[in-house]
Amino acid sequence: MMKPAHSSFLIAFRLATGEIIYEREFPAGQRREALNALNALERRHRDDPGVAVTLFAAASRADLLRTHSSRFG
């Protein structure tokens, strides 16, 4: 059985409030581009301990928000 393709979601959010301050979706097949963007965004926010930068895989944005709503949204 074939697994469904998942997009990568690059998200930066404020830890105190969960406010998303950056979001970008990378379609399946663009994992390398997503990782490069992750590294750049981490460098941009490295001096701000109140911001988390994460890269998630999910079938859709709605799925991502449903499964991680306790962290941001």
PDB file of N, CA and C in Angstrom:
ATOM      1  N   MET A   1       0.848  -1.179   0.000  1.00  0.00           N
ATOM      2  CA  MET A   1       0.000   0.000   0.000  1.00  0.00           C
ATOM      3  C   MET A   1       0.891   1.239   0.000  1.00  0.00           C
ATOM      4  N   MET A   2       0.512   2.221  -0.790  1.00  0.00           N
ATOM      5  CA  MET A   2       1.292   3.441  -0.915  1.00  0.00           C
ATOM      6  C   MET A   2       0.847   4.480   0.111  1.00  0.00           C
ATOM      7  N   LYS A   3       1.835   5.145   0.750  1.00  0.00           N
ATOM      8  CA  LYS A   3       1.507   6.196   1.709  1.00  0.00           C
ATOM      9  C   LYS A   3       1.137   7.466   0.960  1.00  0.00           C
ATOM     10  N   PRO A   4       0.166   8.226   1.453  1.00  0.00           N
ATOM     11  CA  PRO A   4      -0.168   9.481   0.796  1.00  0.00           C
ATOM     12  C   PRO A   4       0.981  10.467   0.938  1.00  0.00           C
ATOM     13  N   ALA A   5       1.175  11.304  -0.078  1.00  0.00           N
ATOM     14  CA  ALA A   5       2.223  12.323  -0.036  1.00  0.00           C
ATOM     15  C   ALA A   5       1.824  13.408   0.959  1.00  0.00           C
ATOM     16  N   HIS A   6       2.811  13.858   1.713  1.00  0.00           N
ATOM     17  CA  HIS A   6       2.569  14.907   2.687  1.00  0.00           C
ATOM     18  C   HIS A   6       3.352  16.144   2.315  1.00  0.00           C
ATOM     19  N   SER A   7       2.741  17.277   2.520  1.00  0.00           N
ATOM     20  CA  SER A   7       3.427  18.546   2.361  1.00  0.00           C
ATOM     21  C   SER A   7       4.258  18.804   3.607  1.00  0.00           C
ATOM     22  N   SER A   8       5.237  19.686   3.466  1.00  0.00           N
ATOM     23  CA  SER A   8       6.004  20.171   4.615  1.00  0.00           C
ATOM     24  C   SER A   8       5.519  21.570   4.942  1.00  0.00           C
ATOM     25  N   PHE A   9       5.325  21.834   6.222  1.00  0.00           N
ATOM     26  CA  PHE A   9       4.871  23.141   6.676  1.00  0.00           C
ATOM     27  C   PHE A   9       5.928  23.742   7.578  1.00  0.00           C
ATOM     28  N   LEU A  10       6.480  24.859   7.151  1.00  0.00           N
ATOM     29  CA  LEU A  10       7.475  25.581   7.933  1.00  0.00           C
ATOM     30  C   LEU A  10       6.746  26.668   8.699  1.00  0.00           C
ATOM     31  N   ILE A  11       6.847  26.619  10.015  1.00  0.00           N
ATOM     32  CA  ILE A  11       6.086  27.543  10.859  1.00  0.00           C
ATOM     33  C   ILE A  11       6.986  28.112  11.939  1.00  0.00           C
ATOM     34  N   ALA A  12       6.895  29.422  12.125  1.00  0.00           N
ATOM     35  CA  ALA A  12       7.510  30.087  13.277  1.00  0.00           C
ATOM     36  C   ALA A  12       6.367  30.654  14.097  1.00  0.00           C
ATOM     37  N   PHE A  13       6.440  30.444  15.410  1.00  0.00           N
ATOM     38  CA  PHE A  13       5.352  30.949  16.257  1.00  0.00           C
ATOM     39  C   PHE A  13       5.898  31.415  17.594  1.00  0.00           C
ATOM     40  N   ARG A  14       5.143  32.306  18.211  1.00  0.00           N
ATOM     41  CA  ARG A  14       5.511  32.829  19.525  1.00  0.00           C
ATOM     42  C   ARG A  14       5.127  31.795  20.585  1.00  0.00           C
ATOM     43  N   LEU A  15       6.104  31.429  21.390  1.00  0.00           N
ATOM     44  CA  LEU A  15       5.860  30.409  22.415  1.00  0.00           C
ATOM     45  C   LEU A  15       4.837  30.858  23.449  1.00  0.00           C
ATOM     46  N   ALA A  16       4.853  32.130  23.821  1.00  0.00           N
ATOM     47  CA  ALA A  16       3.958  32.621  24.875  1.00  0.00           C
ATOM     48  C   ALA A  16       2.500  32.638  24.452  1.00  0.00           C
ATOM     49  N   THR A  17       2.244  32.922  23.181  1.00  0.00           N
ATOM     50  CA  THR A  17       0.863  33.114  22.737  1.00  0.00           C
ATOM     51  C   THR A  17       0.388  32.096  21.708  1.00  0.00           C
ATOM     52  N   GLY A  18       1.321  31.410  21.056  1.00  0.00           N
ATOM     53  CA  GLY A  18       0.956  30.500  19.980  1.00  0.00           C
ATOM     54  C   GLY A  18       0.705  31.201  18.660  1.00  0.00           C
ATOM     55  N   GLU A  19       0.922  32.519  18.620  1.00  0.00           N
ATOM     56  CA  GLU A  19       0.687  33.286  17.389  1.00  0.00           C
ATOM     57  C   GLU A  19       1.661  32.836  16.300  1.00  0.00           C
ATOM     58  N   ILE A  20       1.132  32.479  15.156  1.00  0.00           N
ATOM     59  CA  ILE A  20       1.966  32.115  14.014  1.00  0.00           C
ATOM     60  C   ILE A  20       2.475  33.405  13.382  1.00  0.00           C
ATOM     61  N   ILE A  21       3.798  33.531  13.296  1.00  0.00           N
ATOM     62  CA  ILE A  21       4.376  34.742  12.716  1.00  0.00           C
ATOM     63  C   ILE A  21       4.981  34.482  11.345  1.00  0.00           C
ATOM     64  N   TYR A  22       5.098  33.226  10.963  1.00  0.00           N
ATOM     65  CA  TYR A  22       5.584  32.865   9.633  1.00  0.00           C
ATOM     66  C   TYR A  22       5.038  31.491   9.300  1.00  0.00           C
ATOM     67  N   GLU A  23       4.583  31.339   8.061  1.00  0.00           N
ATOM     68  CA  GLU A  23       4.073  30.042   7.621  1.00  0.00           C
ATOM     69  C   GLU A  23       4.306  29.895   6.130  1.00  0.00           C
ATOM     70  N   ARG A  24       4.808  28.744   5.745  1.00  0.00           N
ATOM     71  CA  ARG A  24       5.006  28.448   4.323  1.00  0.00           C
ATOM     72  C   ARG A  24       4.823  26.956   4.111  1.00  0.00           C
ATOM     73  N   GLU A  25       4.095  26.625   3.066  1.00  0.00           N
ATOM     74  CA  GLU A  25       3.875  25.224   2.713  1.00  0.00           C
ATOM     75  C   GLU A  25       4.771  24.845   1.544  1.00  0.00           C
ATOM     76  N   PHE A  26       5.387  23.674   1.652  1.00  0.00           N
ATOM     77  CA  PHE A  26       6.188  23.109   0.580  1.00  0.00           C
ATOM     78  C   PHE A  26       5.513  21.822   0.137  1.00  0.00           C
ATOM     79  N   PRO A  27       5.142  21.719  -1.131  1.00  0.00           N
ATOM     80  CA  PRO A  27       4.495  20.497  -1.603  1.00  0.00           C
ATOM     81  C   PRO A  27       5.401  19.277  -1.448  1.00  0.00           C
ATOM     82  N   ALA A  28       4.793  18.108  -1.445  1.00  0.00           N
ATOM     83  CA  ALA A  28       5.557  16.865  -1.407  1.00  0.00           C
ATOM     84  C   ALA A  28       6.580  16.900  -2.543  1.00  0.00           C
ATOM     85  N   GLY A  29       7.774  16.428  -2.264  1.00  0.00           N
ATOM     86  CA  GLY A  29       8.818  16.446  -3.273  1.00  0.00           C
ATOM     87  C   GLY A  29       9.757  17.637  -3.141  1.00  0.00           C
ATOM     88  N   GLN A  30       9.420  18.580  -2.269  1.00  0.00           N
ATOM     89  CA  GLN A  30      10.272  19.752  -2.060  1.00  0.00           C
ATOM     90  C   GLN A  30      10.870  19.753  -0.646  1.00  0.00           C
ATOM     91  N   ARG A  31      11.183  18.578  -0.153  1.00  0.00           N
ATOM     92  CA  ARG A  31      11.712  18.454   1.213  1.00  0.00           C
ATOM     93  C   ARG A  31      13.053  19.181   1.369  1.00  0.00           C
ATOM     94  N   ARG A  32      13.930  19.080   0.375  1.00  0.00           N
ATOM     95  CA  ARG A  32      15.234  19.753   0.459  1.00  0.00           C
ATOM     96  C   ARG A  32      15.048  21.269   0.546  1.00  0.00           C
ATOM     97  N   GLU A  33      14.142  21.815  -0.257  1.00  0.00           N
ATOM     98  CA  GLU A  33      13.866  23.248  -0.205  1.00  0.00           C
ATOM     99  C   GLU A  33      13.307  23.645   1.154  1.00  0.00           C
ATOM    100  N   ALA A  34      12.461  22.778   1.699  1.00  0.00           N
ATOM    101  CA  ALA A  34      11.880  23.050   3.019  1.00  0.00           C
ATOM    102  C   ALA A  34      12.965  23.062   4.097  1.00  0.00           C
ATOM    103  N   LEU A  35      13.898  22.126   4.021  1.00  0.00           N
ATOM    104  CA  LEU A  35      14.981  22.082   5.000  1.00  0.00           C
ATOM    105  C   LEU A  35      15.898  23.299   4.879  1.00  0.00           C
ATOM    106  N   ASN A  36      16.169  23.731   3.656  1.00  0.00           N
ATOM    107  CA  ASN A  36      16.980  24.941   3.468  1.00  0.00           C
ATOM    108  C   ASN A  36      16.279  26.162   4.051  1.00  0.00           C
ATOM    109  N   ALA A  37      14.978  26.262   3.820  1.00  0.00           N
ATOM    110  CA  ALA A  37      14.208  27.379   4.367  1.00  0.00           C
ATOM    111  C   ALA A  37      14.160  27.311   5.894  1.00  0.00           C
ATOM    112  N   LEU A  38      14.062  26.104   6.440  1.00  0.00           N
ATOM    113  CA  LEU A  38      14.088  25.924   7.889  1.00  0.00           C
ATOM    114  C   LEU A  38      15.392  26.467   8.466  1.00  0.00           C
ATOM    115  N   ASN A  39      16.500  26.097   7.869  1.00  0.00           N
ATOM    116  CA  ASN A  39      17.795  26.577   8.357  1.00  0.00           C
ATOM    117  C   ASN A  39      17.883  28.094   8.305  1.00  0.00           C
ATOM    118  N   ALA A  40      17.412  28.699   7.236  1.00  0.00           N
ATOM    119  CA  ALA A  40      17.449  30.162   7.113  1.00  0.00           C
ATOM    120  C   ALA A  40      16.562  30.830   8.159  1.00  0.00           C
ATOM    121  N   LEU A  41      15.367  30.281   8.383  1.00  0.00           N
ATOM    122  CA  LEU A  41      14.449  30.871   9.356  1.00  0.00           C
ATOM    123  C   LEU A  41      14.967  30.690  10.780  1.00  0.00           C
ATOM    124  N   GLU A  42      15.592  29.561  11.060  1.00  0.00           N
ATOM    125  CA  GLU A  42      16.200  29.365  12.380  1.00  0.00           C
ATOM    126  C   GLU A  42      17.305  30.389  12.632  1.00  0.00           C
ATOM    127  N   ARG A  43      18.118  30.658  11.622  1.00  0.00           N
ATOM    128  CA  ARG A  43      19.167  31.676  11.769  1.00  0.00           C
ATOM    129  C   ARG A  43      18.557  33.050  12.029  1.00  0.00           C
ATOM    130  N   ARG A  44      17.467  33.338  11.334  1.00  0.00           N
ATOM    131  CA  ARG A  44      16.812  34.642  11.491  1.00  0.00           C
ATOM    132  C   ARG A  44      16.283  34.857  12.904  1.00  0.00           C
ATOM    133  N   HIS A  45      15.835  33.794  13.561  1.00  0.00           N
ATOM    134  CA  HIS A  45      15.217  33.903  14.887  1.00  0.00           C
ATOM    135  C   HIS A  45      16.097  33.344  16.011  1.00  0.00           C
ATOM    136  N   ARG A  46      17.356  33.065  15.727  1.00  0.00           N
ATOM    137  CA  ARG A  46      18.204  32.409  16.733  1.00  0.00           C
ATOM    138  C   ARG A  46      18.406  33.221  17.998  1.00  0.00           C
ATOM    139  N   ASP A  47      18.285  34.546  17.919  1.00  0.00           N
ATOM    140  CA  ASP A  47      18.483  35.396  19.104  1.00  0.00           C
ATOM    141  C   ASP A  47      17.178  35.709  19.828  1.00  0.00           C
ATOM    142  N   ASP A  48      16.096  35.091  19.420  1.00  0.00           N
ATOM    143  CA  ASP A  48      14.798  35.339  20.044  1.00  0.00           C
ATOM    144  C   ASP A  48      14.297  34.047  20.702  1.00  0.00           C
ATOM    145  N   PRO A  49      14.528  33.884  22.003  1.00  0.00           N
ATOM    146  CA  PRO A  49      14.105  32.648  22.676  1.00  0.00           C
ATOM    147  C   PRO A  49      12.587  32.507  22.771  1.00  0.00           C
ATOM    148  N   GLY A  50      11.847  33.544  22.434  1.00  0.00           N
ATOM    149  CA  GLY A  50      10.396  33.483  22.492  1.00  0.00           C
ATOM    150  C   GLY A  50       9.753  32.983  21.218  1.00  0.00           C
ATOM    151  N   VAL A  51      10.578  32.637  20.222  1.00  0.00           N
ATOM    152  CA  VAL A  51      10.050  32.160  18.943  1.00  0.00           C
ATOM    153  C   VAL A  51      10.544  30.744  18.690  1.00  0.00           C
ATOM    154  N   ALA A  52       9.625  29.874  18.323  1.00  0.00           N
ATOM    155  CA  ALA A  52       9.963  28.505  17.925  1.00  0.00           C
ATOM    156  C   ALA A  52       9.809  28.390  16.415  1.00  0.00           C
ATOM    157  N   VAL A  53      10.756  27.716  15.789  1.00  0.00           N
ATOM    158  CA  VAL A  53      10.724  27.468  14.349  1.00  0.00           C
ATOM    159  C   VAL A  53      10.659  25.962  14.164  1.00  0.00           C
ATOM    160  N   THR A  54       9.667  25.511  13.421  1.00  0.00           N
ATOM    161  CA  THR A  54       9.456  24.070  13.272  1.00  0.00           C
ATOM    162  C   THR A  54       9.093  23.719  11.842  1.00  0.00           C
ATOM    163  N   LEU A  55       9.365  22.493  11.468  1.00  0.00           N
ATOM    164  CA  LEU A  55       8.984  21.963  10.164  1.00  0.00           C
ATOM    165  C   LEU A  55       8.168  20.703  10.409  1.00  0.00           C
ATOM    166  N   PHE A  56       6.955  20.708   9.922  1.00  0.00           N
ATOM    167  CA  PHE A  56       6.037  19.583  10.111  1.00  0.00           C
ATOM    168  C   PHE A  56       5.694  18.959   8.771  1.00  0.00           C
ATOM    169  N   ALA A  57       5.322  17.702   8.780  1.00  0.00           N
ATOM    170  CA  ALA A  57       4.759  17.031   7.609  1.00  0.00           C
ATOM    171  C   ALA A  57       3.300  16.725   7.919  1.00  0.00           C
ATOM    172  N   ALA A  58       2.443  17.060   6.986  1.00  0.00           N
ATOM    173  CA  ALA A  58       1.008  16.807   7.168  1.00  0.00           C
ATOM    174  C   ALA A  58       0.339  16.722   5.799  1.00  0.00           C
ATOM    175  N   ALA A  59      -0.768  16.031   5.760  1.00  0.00           N
ATOM    176  CA  ALA A  59      -1.513  15.901   4.518  1.00  0.00           C
ATOM    177  C   ALA A  59      -2.142  17.228   4.098  1.00  0.00           C
ATOM    178  N   SER A  60      -2.476  18.068   5.088  1.00  0.00           N
ATOM    179  CA  SER A  60      -3.080  19.364   4.784  1.00  0.00           C
ATOM    180  C   SER A  60      -2.847  20.328   5.950  1.00  0.00           C
ATOM    181  N   ARG A  61      -3.049  21.598   5.695  1.00  0.00           N
ATOM    182  CA  ARG A  61      -2.925  22.605   6.756  1.00  0.00           C
ATOM    183  C   ARG A  61      -3.959  22.338   7.849  1.00  0.00           C
ATOM    184  N   ALA A  62      -5.151  21.961   7.449  1.00  0.00           N
ATOM    185  CA  ALA A  62      -6.205  21.671   8.422  1.00  0.00           C
ATOM    186  C   ALA A  62      -5.794  20.527   9.347  1.00  0.00           C
ATOM    187  N   ASP A  63      -5.190  19.476   8.785  1.00  0.00           N
ATOM    188  CA  ASP A  63      -4.707  18.366   9.612  1.00  0.00           C
ATOM    189  C   ASP A  63      -3.635  18.838  10.583  1.00  0.00           C
ATOM    190  N   LEU A  64      -2.730  19.670  10.096  1.00  0.00           N
ATOM    191  CA  LEU A  64      -1.659  20.186  10.948  1.00  0.00           C
ATOM    192  C   LEU A  64      -2.228  20.983  12.111  1.00  0.00           C
ATOM    193  N   LEU A  65      -3.154  21.876  11.830  1.00  0.00           N
ATOM    194  CA  LEU A  65      -3.738  22.691  12.900  1.00  0.00           C
ATOM    195  C   LEU A  65      -4.535  21.840  13.879  1.00  0.00           C
ATOM    196  N   ARG A  66      -5.198  20.809  13.374  1.00  0.00           N
ATOM    197  CA  ARG A  66      -5.978  19.939  14.256  1.00  0.00           C
ATOM    198  C   ARG A  66      -5.062  19.148  15.191  1.00  0.00           C
ATOM    199  N   THR A  67      -3.950  18.647  14.686  1.00  0.00           N
ATOM    200  CA  THR A  67      -3.087  17.801  15.500  1.00  0.00           C
ATOM    201  C   THR A  67      -2.133  18.590  16.386  1.00  0.00           C
ATOM    202  N   HIS A  68      -1.903  19.871  16.084  1.00  0.00           N
ATOM    203  CA  HIS A  68      -0.957  20.670  16.852  1.00  0.00           C
ATOM    204  C   HIS A  68      -1.583  21.947  17.417  1.00  0.00           C
ATOM    205  N   SER A  69      -2.875  21.983  17.544  1.00  0.00           N
ATOM    206  CA  SER A  69      -3.554  23.202  17.991  1.00  0.00           C
ATOM    207  C   SER A  69      -3.164  23.624  19.410  1.00  0.00           C
ATOM    208  N   SER A  70      -2.626  22.704  20.183  1.00  0.00           N
ATOM    209  CA  SER A  70      -2.209  23.088  21.537  1.00  0.00           C
ATOM    210  C   SER A  70      -0.929  23.916  21.519  1.00  0.00           C
ATOM    211  N   ARG A  71      -0.181  23.895  20.417  1.00  0.00           N
ATOM    212  CA  ARG A  71       1.073  24.640  20.311  1.00  0.00           C
ATOM    213  C   ARG A  71       0.887  26.000  19.663  1.00  0.00           C
ATOM    214  N   PHE A  72       0.051  26.050  18.639  1.00  0.00           N
ATOM    215  CA  PHE A  72      -0.144  27.299  17.906  1.00  0.00           C
ATOM    216  C   PHE A  72      -1.489  27.266  17.209  1.00  0.00           C
ATOM    217  N   GLY A  73      -1.840  28.385  16.635  1.00  0.00           N
ATOM    218  CA  GLY A  73      -3.090  28.418  15.863  1.00  0.00           C
ATOM    219  C   GLY A  73      -3.907  29.626  16.132  1.00  0.00           C
TER     220      GLY A  73
END
